[in-house]
Amino acid sequence: MHERVRLGILSSLATVDHLSFSELRDALGVTDGNLSVHARKLEEAGFVQCEKRFANRKPRSEYRLTTKGRNAFASYLFQLESVIRAVRNR
């Protein structure tokens, strides 16, 4: 999850119900292949769900955080904040 693109995917999805593949790609400034690989890893971990459908005869992939993904992301942020607090309090 700590990899830049994966963290970006989770951060982007944490504030909305869902985002399309192209919305995520554009927001993160990555290539289709790069986003696809990282999104698939998050899917395999059970953090992200991808729903594929057609809109106006064009394929559309929509991504959303799962409950497991939302909890894991919140835990990651908590741990990161703990590390930051510890460093600041030195």
PDB file of N, CA and C in Angstrom:
ATOM      1  N   MET A   1       0.826  -1.194   0.000  1.00  0.00           N
ATOM      2  CA  MET A   1       0.000   0.000   0.000  1.00  0.00           C
ATOM      3  C   MET A   1       0.866   1.252   0.000  1.00  0.00           C
ATOM      4  N   HIS A   2       2.087   1.158   0.492  1.00  0.00           N
ATOM      5  CA  HIS A   2       2.919   2.345   0.630  1.00  0.00           C
ATOM      6  C   HIS A   2       3.503   2.831  -0.696  1.00  0.00           C
ATOM      7  N   GLU A   3       3.408   2.032  -1.760  1.00  0.00           N
ATOM      8  CA  GLU A   3       3.913   2.450  -3.056  1.00  0.00           C
ATOM      9  C   GLU A   3       3.103   3.654  -3.539  1.00  0.00           C
ATOM     10  N   ARG A   4       3.727   4.613  -4.200  1.00  0.00           N
ATOM     11  CA  ARG A   4       3.115   5.888  -4.553  1.00  0.00           C
ATOM     12  C   ARG A   4       1.793   5.749  -5.305  1.00  0.00           C
ATOM     13  N   VAL A   5       1.735   4.921  -6.333  1.00  0.00           N
ATOM     14  CA  VAL A   5       0.510   4.792  -7.130  1.00  0.00           C
ATOM     15  C   VAL A   5      -0.585   4.108  -6.312  1.00  0.00           C
ATOM     16  N   ARG A   6      -0.239   3.086  -5.577  1.00  0.00           N
ATOM     17  CA  ARG A   6      -1.239   2.381  -4.758  1.00  0.00           C
ATOM     18  C   ARG A   6      -1.784   3.300  -3.673  1.00  0.00           C
ATOM     19  N   LEU A   7      -0.907   4.053  -3.054  1.00  0.00           N
ATOM     20  CA  LEU A   7      -1.357   5.012  -2.043  1.00  0.00           C
ATOM     21  C   LEU A   7      -2.248   6.074  -2.681  1.00  0.00           C
ATOM     22  N   GLY A   8      -1.909   6.496  -3.886  1.00  0.00           N
ATOM     23  CA  GLY A   8      -2.729   7.468  -4.610  1.00  0.00           C
ATOM     24  C   GLY A   8      -4.112   6.930  -4.941  1.00  0.00           C
ATOM     25  N   ILE A   9      -4.166   5.675  -5.353  1.00  0.00           N
ATOM     26  CA  ILE A   9      -5.461   5.048  -5.653  1.00  0.00           C
ATOM     27  C   ILE A   9      -6.324   5.020  -4.401  1.00  0.00           C
ATOM     28  N   LEU A  10      -5.759   4.543  -3.306  1.00  0.00           N
ATOM     29  CA  LEU A  10      -6.524   4.448  -2.062  1.00  0.00           C
ATOM     30  C   LEU A  10      -6.937   5.821  -1.559  1.00  0.00           C
ATOM     31  N   SER A  11      -6.037   6.795  -1.635  1.00  0.00           N
ATOM     32  CA  SER A  11      -6.357   8.157  -1.191  1.00  0.00           C
ATOM     33  C   SER A  11      -7.480   8.759  -2.028  1.00  0.00           C
ATOM     34  N   SER A  12      -7.403   8.553  -3.328  1.00  0.00           N
ATOM     35  CA  SER A  12      -8.431   9.094  -4.220  1.00  0.00           C
ATOM     36  C   SER A  12      -9.794   8.468  -3.957  1.00  0.00           C
ATOM     37  N   LEU A  13      -9.804   7.161  -3.745  1.00  0.00           N
ATOM     38  CA  LEU A  13     -11.070   6.455  -3.538  1.00  0.00           C
ATOM     39  C   LEU A  13     -11.643   6.664  -2.139  1.00  0.00           C
ATOM     40  N   ALA A  14     -10.812   7.084  -1.198  1.00  0.00           N
ATOM     41  CA  ALA A  14     -11.277   7.259   0.185  1.00  0.00           C
ATOM     42  C   ALA A  14     -12.248   8.424   0.322  1.00  0.00           C
ATOM     43  N   THR A  15     -12.252   9.327  -0.631  1.00  0.00           N
ATOM     44  CA  THR A  15     -13.082  10.531  -0.502  1.00  0.00           C
ATOM     45  C   THR A  15     -14.323  10.521  -1.385  1.00  0.00           C
ATOM     46  N   VAL A  16     -14.485   9.467  -2.194  1.00  0.00           N
ATOM     47  CA  VAL A  16     -15.628   9.389  -3.110  1.00  0.00           C
ATOM     48  C   VAL A  16     -16.221   7.988  -3.074  1.00  0.00           C
ATOM     49  N   ASP A  17     -17.394   7.845  -3.671  1.00  0.00           N
ATOM     50  CA  ASP A  17     -18.024   6.531  -3.752  1.00  0.00           C
ATOM     51  C   ASP A  17     -17.290   5.640  -4.748  1.00  0.00           C
ATOM     52  N   HIS A  18     -16.933   6.198  -5.900  1.00  0.00           N
ATOM     53  CA  HIS A  18     -16.224   5.442  -6.936  1.00  0.00           C
ATOM     54  C   HIS A  18     -15.563   6.406  -7.916  1.00  0.00           C
ATOM     55  N   LEU A  19     -14.602   5.894  -8.665  1.00  0.00           N
ATOM     56  CA  LEU A  19     -13.959   6.639  -9.741  1.00  0.00           C
ATOM     57  C   LEU A  19     -13.762   5.701 -10.917  1.00  0.00           C
ATOM     58  N   SER A  20     -13.842   6.245 -12.100  1.00  0.00           N
ATOM     59  CA  SER A  20     -13.583   5.442 -13.289  1.00  0.00           C
ATOM     60  C   SER A  20     -12.077   5.276 -13.479  1.00  0.00           C
ATOM     61  N   PHE A  21     -11.724   4.331 -14.318  1.00  0.00           N
ATOM     62  CA  PHE A  21     -10.315   4.084 -14.621  1.00  0.00           C
ATOM     63  C   PHE A  21      -9.667   5.362 -15.141  1.00  0.00           C
ATOM     64  N   SER A  22     -10.317   6.028 -16.071  1.00  0.00           N
ATOM     65  CA  SER A  22      -9.722   7.241 -16.667  1.00  0.00           C
ATOM     66  C   SER A  22      -9.632   8.383 -15.653  1.00  0.00           C
ATOM     67  N   GLU A  23     -10.592   8.480 -14.743  1.00  0.00           N
ATOM     68  CA  GLU A  23     -10.518   9.512 -13.698  1.00  0.00           C
ATOM     69  C   GLU A  23      -9.322   9.265 -12.778  1.00  0.00           C
ATOM     70  N   LEU A  24      -9.130   8.013 -12.393  1.00  0.00           N
ATOM     71  CA  LEU A  24      -7.979   7.664 -11.555  1.00  0.00           C
ATOM     72  C   LEU A  24      -6.670   7.918 -12.303  1.00  0.00           C
ATOM     73  N   ARG A  25      -6.610   7.463 -13.539  1.00  0.00           N
ATOM     74  CA  ARG A  25      -5.397   7.635 -14.347  1.00  0.00           C
ATOM     75  C   ARG A  25      -5.015   9.109 -14.469  1.00  0.00           C
ATOM     76  N   ASP A  26      -5.995   9.931 -14.779  1.00  0.00           N
ATOM     77  CA  ASP A  26      -5.736  11.360 -14.953  1.00  0.00           C
ATOM     78  C   ASP A  26      -5.367  12.032 -13.629  1.00  0.00           C
ATOM     79  N   ALA A  27      -6.037  11.660 -12.563  1.00  0.00           N
ATOM     80  CA  ALA A  27      -5.758  12.256 -11.256  1.00  0.00           C
ATOM     81  C   ALA A  27      -4.342  11.918 -10.781  1.00  0.00           C
ATOM     82  N   LEU A  28      -3.895  10.709 -11.082  1.00  0.00           N
ATOM     83  CA  LEU A  28      -2.585  10.256 -10.606  1.00  0.00           C
ATOM     84  C   LEU A  28      -1.462  10.533 -11.605  1.00  0.00           C
ATOM     85  N   GLY A  29      -1.838  10.853 -12.846  1.00  0.00           N
ATOM     86  CA  GLY A  29      -0.827  11.139 -13.858  1.00  0.00           C
ATOM     87  C   GLY A  29       0.035   9.938 -14.209  1.00  0.00           C
ATOM     88  N   VAL A  30      -0.606   8.782 -14.354  1.00  0.00           N
ATOM     89  CA  VAL A  30       0.109   7.551 -14.682  1.00  0.00           C
ATOM     90  C   VAL A  30      -0.406   6.986 -16.001  1.00  0.00           C
ATOM     91  N   THR A  31       0.318   6.021 -16.529  1.00  0.00           N
ATOM     92  CA  THR A  31      -0.105   5.381 -17.764  1.00  0.00           C
ATOM     93  C   THR A  31      -1.197   4.348 -17.476  1.00  0.00           C
ATOM     94  N   ASP A  32      -1.894   3.947 -18.529  1.00  0.00           N
ATOM     95  CA  ASP A  32      -2.920   2.911 -18.386  1.00  0.00           C
ATOM     96  C   ASP A  32      -2.333   1.639 -17.793  1.00  0.00           C
ATOM     97  N   GLY A  33      -1.198   1.209 -18.324  1.00  0.00           N
ATOM     98  CA  GLY A  33      -0.577  -0.027 -17.852  1.00  0.00           C
ATOM     99  C   GLY A  33      -0.153   0.049 -16.403  1.00  0.00           C
ATOM    100  N   ASN A  34       0.414   1.173 -16.015  1.00  0.00           N
ATOM    101  CA  ASN A  34       0.857   1.351 -14.638  1.00  0.00           C
ATOM    102  C   ASN A  34      -0.325   1.293 -13.684  1.00  0.00           C
ATOM    103  N   LEU A  35      -1.383   2.021 -14.005  1.00  0.00           N
ATOM    104  CA  LEU A  35      -2.573   2.013 -13.152  1.00  0.00           C
ATOM    105  C   LEU A  35      -3.180   0.620 -13.091  1.00  0.00           C
ATOM    106  N   SER A  36      -3.245  -0.041 -14.225  1.00  0.00           N
ATOM    107  CA  SER A  36      -3.847  -1.364 -14.284  1.00  0.00           C
ATOM    108  C   SER A  36      -3.128  -2.352 -13.373  1.00  0.00           C
ATOM    109  N   VAL A  37      -1.803  -2.350 -13.400  1.00  0.00           N
ATOM    110  CA  VAL A  37      -1.014  -3.268 -12.574  1.00  0.00           C
ATOM    111  C   VAL A  37      -1.244  -2.992 -11.090  1.00  0.00           C
ATOM    112  N   HIS A  38      -1.186  -1.733 -10.696  1.00  0.00           N
ATOM    113  CA  HIS A  38      -1.338  -1.399  -9.281  1.00  0.00           C
ATOM    114  C   HIS A  38      -2.772  -1.622  -8.790  1.00  0.00           C
ATOM    115  N   ALA A  39      -3.746  -1.296  -9.620  1.00  0.00           N
ATOM    116  CA  ALA A  39      -5.143  -1.521  -9.237  1.00  0.00           C
ATOM    117  C   ALA A  39      -5.413  -3.015  -9.054  1.00  0.00           C
ATOM    118  N   ARG A  40      -4.830  -3.824  -9.924  1.00  0.00           N
ATOM    119  CA  ARG A  40      -5.025  -5.277  -9.821  1.00  0.00           C
ATOM    120  C   ARG A  40      -4.438  -5.815  -8.521  1.00  0.00           C
ATOM    121  N   LYS A  41      -3.283  -5.310  -8.115  1.00  0.00           N
ATOM    122  CA  LYS A  41      -2.680  -5.737  -6.843  1.00  0.00           C
ATOM    123  C   LYS A  41      -3.584  -5.377  -5.667  1.00  0.00           C
ATOM    124  N   LEU A  42      -4.180  -4.199  -5.720  1.00  0.00           N
ATOM    125  CA  LEU A  42      -5.099  -3.791  -4.650  1.00  0.00           C
ATOM    126  C   LEU A  42      -6.370  -4.632  -4.672  1.00  0.00           C
ATOM    127  N   GLU A  43      -6.814  -5.017  -5.867  1.00  0.00           N
ATOM    128  CA  GLU A  43      -7.968  -5.916  -5.979  1.00  0.00           C
ATOM    129  C   GLU A  43      -7.636  -7.276  -5.371  1.00  0.00           C
ATOM    130  N   GLU A  44      -6.467  -7.805  -5.700  1.00  0.00           N
ATOM    131  CA  GLU A  44      -6.056  -9.114  -5.185  1.00  0.00           C
ATOM    132  C   GLU A  44      -5.952  -9.106  -3.666  1.00  0.00           C
ATOM    133  N   ALA A  45      -5.592  -7.964  -3.097  1.00  0.00           N
ATOM    134  CA  ALA A  45      -5.502  -7.837  -1.636  1.00  0.00           C
ATOM    135  C   ALA A  45      -6.880  -7.647  -1.006  1.00  0.00           C
ATOM    136  N   GLY A  46      -7.898  -7.415  -1.845  1.00  0.00           N
ATOM    137  CA  GLY A  46      -9.256  -7.208  -1.331  1.00  0.00           C
ATOM    138  C   GLY A  46      -9.523  -5.781  -0.886  1.00  0.00           C
ATOM    139  N   PHE A  47      -8.646  -4.840  -1.274  1.00  0.00           N
ATOM    140  CA  PHE A  47      -8.791  -3.444  -0.861  1.00  0.00           C
ATOM    141  C   PHE A  47      -9.661  -2.634  -1.817  1.00  0.00           C
ATOM    142  N   VAL A  48      -9.692  -3.044  -3.078  1.00  0.00           N
ATOM    143  CA  VAL A  48     -10.408  -2.301  -4.115  1.00  0.00           C
ATOM    144  C   VAL A  48     -11.281  -3.270  -4.895  1.00  0.00           C
ATOM    145  N   GLN A  49     -12.436  -2.792  -5.288  1.00  0.00           N
ATOM    146  CA  GLN A  49     -13.348  -3.584  -6.116  1.00  0.00           C
ATOM    147  C   GLN A  49     -13.482  -2.883  -7.459  1.00  0.00           C
ATOM    148  N   CYS A  50     -13.400  -3.647  -8.534  1.00  0.00           N
ATOM    149  CA  CYS A  50     -13.560  -3.097  -9.878  1.00  0.00           C
ATOM    150  C   CYS A  50     -14.824  -3.675 -10.490  1.00  0.00           C
ATOM    151  N   GLU A  51     -15.663  -2.785 -10.986  1.00  0.00           N
ATOM    152  CA  GLU A  51     -16.879  -3.202 -11.678  1.00  0.00           C
ATOM    153  C   GLU A  51     -16.765  -2.763 -13.119  1.00  0.00           C
ATOM    154  N   LYS A  52     -16.848  -3.720 -14.029  1.00  0.00           N
ATOM    155  CA  LYS A  52     -16.724  -3.421 -15.455  1.00  0.00           C
ATOM    156  C   LYS A  52     -18.106  -3.475 -16.087  1.00  0.00           C
ATOM    157  N   ARG A  53     -18.378  -2.453 -16.897  1.00  0.00           N
ATOM    158  CA  ARG A  53     -19.657  -2.395 -17.612  1.00  0.00           C
ATOM    159  C   ARG A  53     -19.466  -1.604 -18.891  1.00  0.00           C
ATOM    160  N   PHE A  54     -20.523  -1.456 -19.635  1.00  0.00           N
ATOM    161  CA  PHE A  54     -20.476  -0.665 -20.861  1.00  0.00           C
ATOM    162  C   PHE A  54     -21.349   0.571 -20.701  1.00  0.00           C
ATOM    163  N   ALA A  55     -20.837   1.693 -21.191  1.00  0.00           N
ATOM    164  CA  ALA A  55     -21.586   2.943 -21.223  1.00  0.00           C
ATOM    165  C   ALA A  55     -21.470   3.487 -22.642  1.00  0.00           C
ATOM    166  N   ASN A  56     -22.596   3.626 -23.309  1.00  0.00           N
ATOM    167  CA  ASN A  56     -22.591   4.061 -24.712  1.00  0.00           C
ATOM    168  C   ASN A  56     -21.671   3.194 -25.562  1.00  0.00           C
ATOM    169  N   ARG A  57     -21.775   1.889 -25.344  1.00  0.00           N
ATOM    170  CA  ARG A  57     -21.015   0.883 -26.083  1.00  0.00           C
ATOM    171  C   ARG A  57     -19.513   0.934 -25.860  1.00  0.00           C
ATOM    172  N   LYS A  58     -19.089   1.646 -24.860  1.00  0.00           N
ATOM    173  CA  LYS A  58     -17.671   1.705 -24.519  1.00  0.00           C
ATOM    174  C   LYS A  58     -17.473   1.043 -23.160  1.00  0.00           C
ATOM    175  N   PRO A  59     -16.386   0.257 -23.025  1.00  0.00           N
ATOM    176  CA  PRO A  59     -16.137  -0.353 -21.723  1.00  0.00           C
ATOM    177  C   PRO A  59     -15.813   0.711 -20.680  1.00  0.00           C
ATOM    178  N   ARG A  60     -16.313   0.502 -19.490  1.00  0.00           N
ATOM    179  CA  ARG A  60     -16.060   1.437 -18.386  1.00  0.00           C
ATOM    180  C   ARG A  60     -15.777   0.627 -17.128  1.00  0.00           C
ATOM    181  N   SER A  61     -14.640   0.896 -16.521  1.00  0.00           N
ATOM    182  CA  SER A  61     -14.271   0.244 -15.268  1.00  0.00           C
ATOM    183  C   SER A  61     -14.399   1.264 -14.155  1.00  0.00           C
ATOM    184  N   GLU A  62     -15.151   0.889 -13.125  1.00  0.00           N
ATOM    185  CA  GLU A  62     -15.310   1.764 -11.963  1.00  0.00           C
ATOM    186  C   GLU A  62     -14.697   1.081 -10.751  1.00  0.00           C
ATOM    187  N   TYR A  63     -13.945   1.868  -9.996  1.00  0.00           N
ATOM    188  CA  TYR A  63     -13.258   1.362  -8.821  1.00  0.00           C
ATOM    189  C   TYR A  63     -13.840   1.983  -7.565  1.00  0.00           C
ATOM    190  N   ARG A  64     -13.903   1.169  -6.514  1.00  0.00           N
ATOM    191  CA  ARG A  64     -14.344   1.657  -5.209  1.00  0.00           C
ATOM    192  C   ARG A  64     -13.572   0.921  -4.124  1.00  0.00           C
ATOM    193  N   LEU A  65     -13.442   1.581  -2.987  1.00  0.00           N
ATOM    194  CA  LEU A  65     -12.795   0.940  -1.843  1.00  0.00           C
ATOM    195  C   LEU A  65     -13.741  -0.080  -1.228  1.00  0.00           C
ATOM    196  N   THR A  66     -13.203  -1.211  -0.838  1.00  0.00           N
ATOM    197  CA  THR A  66     -13.994  -2.170  -0.078  1.00  0.00           C
ATOM    198  C   THR A  66     -13.914  -1.780   1.398  1.00  0.00           C
ATOM    199  N   THR A  67     -14.715  -2.393   2.213  1.00  0.00           N
ATOM    200  CA  THR A  67     -14.634  -2.152   3.660  1.00  0.00           C
ATOM    201  C   THR A  67     -13.248  -2.537   4.168  1.00  0.00           C
ATOM    202  N   LYS A  68     -12.726  -3.657   3.698  1.00  0.00           N
ATOM    203  CA  LYS A  68     -11.381  -4.085   4.083  1.00  0.00           C
ATOM    204  C   LYS A  68     -10.347  -3.038   3.667  1.00  0.00           C
ATOM    205  N   GLY A  69     -10.499  -2.492   2.467  1.00  0.00           N
ATOM    206  CA  GLY A  69      -9.576  -1.470   1.981  1.00  0.00           C
ATOM    207  C   GLY A  69      -9.656  -0.186   2.781  1.00  0.00           C
ATOM    208  N   ARG A  70     -10.873   0.213   3.111  1.00  0.00           N
ATOM    209  CA  ARG A  70     -11.066   1.436   3.907  1.00  0.00           C
ATOM    210  C   ARG A  70     -10.440   1.274   5.297  1.00  0.00           C
ATOM    211  N   ASN A  71     -10.633   0.106   5.908  1.00  0.00           N
ATOM    212  CA  ASN A  71     -10.057  -0.155   7.230  1.00  0.00           C
ATOM    213  C   ASN A  71      -8.530  -0.223   7.163  1.00  0.00           C
ATOM    214  N   ALA A  72      -8.004  -0.877   6.140  1.00  0.00           N
ATOM    215  CA  ALA A  72      -6.551  -0.979   5.993  1.00  0.00           C
ATOM    216  C   ALA A  72      -5.932   0.391   5.750  1.00  0.00           C
ATOM    217  N   PHE A  73      -6.589   1.216   4.955  1.00  0.00           N
ATOM    218  CA  PHE A  73      -6.089   2.560   4.674  1.00  0.00           C
ATOM    219  C   PHE A  73      -6.111   3.412   5.943  1.00  0.00           C
ATOM    220  N   ALA A  74      -7.178   3.326   6.708  1.00  0.00           N
ATOM    221  CA  ALA A  74      -7.269   4.076   7.963  1.00  0.00           C
ATOM    222  C   ALA A  74      -6.173   3.626   8.933  1.00  0.00           C
ATOM    223  N   SER A  75      -5.922   2.327   9.005  1.00  0.00           N
ATOM    224  CA  SER A  75      -4.875   1.801   9.874  1.00  0.00           C
ATOM    225  C   SER A  75      -3.502   2.277   9.414  1.00  0.00           C
ATOM    226  N   TYR A  76      -3.272   2.276   8.115  1.00  0.00           N
ATOM    227  CA  TYR A  76      -2.006   2.752   7.555  1.00  0.00           C
ATOM    228  C   TYR A  76      -1.793   4.220   7.915  1.00  0.00           C
ATOM    229  N   LEU A  77      -2.815   5.037   7.756  1.00  0.00           N
ATOM    230  CA  LEU A  77      -2.702   6.461   8.092  1.00  0.00           C
ATOM    231  C   LEU A  77      -2.428   6.658   9.579  1.00  0.00           C
ATOM    232  N   PHE A  78      -3.089   5.874  10.414  1.00  0.00           N
ATOM    233  CA  PHE A  78      -2.859   5.965  11.853  1.00  0.00           C
ATOM    234  C   PHE A  78      -1.399   5.635  12.189  1.00  0.00           C
ATOM    235  N   GLN A  79      -0.882   4.567  11.602  1.00  0.00           N
ATOM    236  CA  GLN A  79       0.508   4.183  11.845  1.00  0.00           C
ATOM    237  C   GLN A  79       1.471   5.247  11.347  1.00  0.00           C
ATOM    238  N   LEU A  80       1.187   5.806  10.193  1.00  0.00           N
ATOM    239  CA  LEU A  80       2.032   6.861   9.632  1.00  0.00           C
ATOM    240  C   LEU A  80       2.018   8.101  10.524  1.00  0.00           C
ATOM    241  N   GLU A  81       0.842   8.464  11.016  1.00  0.00           N
ATOM    242  CA  GLU A  81       0.739   9.610  11.925  1.00  0.00           C
ATOM    243  C   GLU A  81       1.498   9.340  13.228  1.00  0.00           C
ATOM    244  N   SER A  82       1.473   8.114  13.714  1.00  0.00           N
ATOM    245  CA  SER A  82       2.210   7.756  14.929  1.00  0.00           C
ATOM    246  C   SER A  82       3.706   7.930  14.730  1.00  0.00           C
ATOM    247  N   VAL A  83       4.195   7.534  13.583  1.00  0.00           N
ATOM    248  CA  VAL A  83       5.619   7.690  13.276  1.00  0.00           C
ATOM    249  C   VAL A  83       5.971   9.174  13.202  1.00  0.00           C
ATOM    250  N   ILE A  84       5.153   9.958  12.570  1.00  0.00           N
ATOM    251  CA  ILE A  84       5.399  11.398  12.453  1.00  0.00           C
ATOM    252  C   ILE A  84       5.406  12.053  13.835  1.00  0.00           C
ATOM    253  N   ARG A  85       4.438  11.698  14.679  1.00  0.00           N
ATOM    254  CA  ARG A  85       4.397  12.253  16.044  1.00  0.00           C
ATOM    255  C   ARG A  85       5.651  11.876  16.827  1.00  0.00           C
ATOM    256  N   ALA A  86       6.082  10.629  16.698  1.00  0.00           N
ATOM    257  CA  ALA A  86       7.267  10.167  17.420  1.00  0.00           C
ATOM    258  C   ALA A  86       8.511  10.941  16.978  1.00  0.00           C
ATOM    259  N   VAL A  87       8.630  11.198  15.709  1.00  0.00           N
ATOM    260  CA  VAL A  87       9.792  11.932  15.194  1.00  0.00           C
ATOM    261  C   VAL A  87       9.748  13.386  15.639  1.00  0.00           C
ATOM    262  N   ARG A  88       8.583  13.981  15.622  1.00  0.00           N
ATOM    263  CA  ARG A  88       8.443  15.380  16.040  1.00  0.00           C
ATOM    264  C   ARG A  88       8.709  15.577  17.537  1.00  0.00           C
ATOM    265  N   ASN A  89       8.406  14.554  18.321  1.00  0.00           N
ATOM    266  CA  ASN A  89       8.560  14.663  19.778  1.00  0.00           C
ATOM    267  C   ASN A  89       9.968  14.345  20.267  1.00  0.00           C
ATOM    268  N   ARG A  90      10.889  14.123  19.381  1.00  0.00           N
ATOM    269  CA  ARG A  90      12.272  13.820  19.795  1.00  0.00           C
ATOM    270  C   ARG A  90      12.949  15.030  20.369  1.00  0.00           C
TER     271      ARG A  90
END
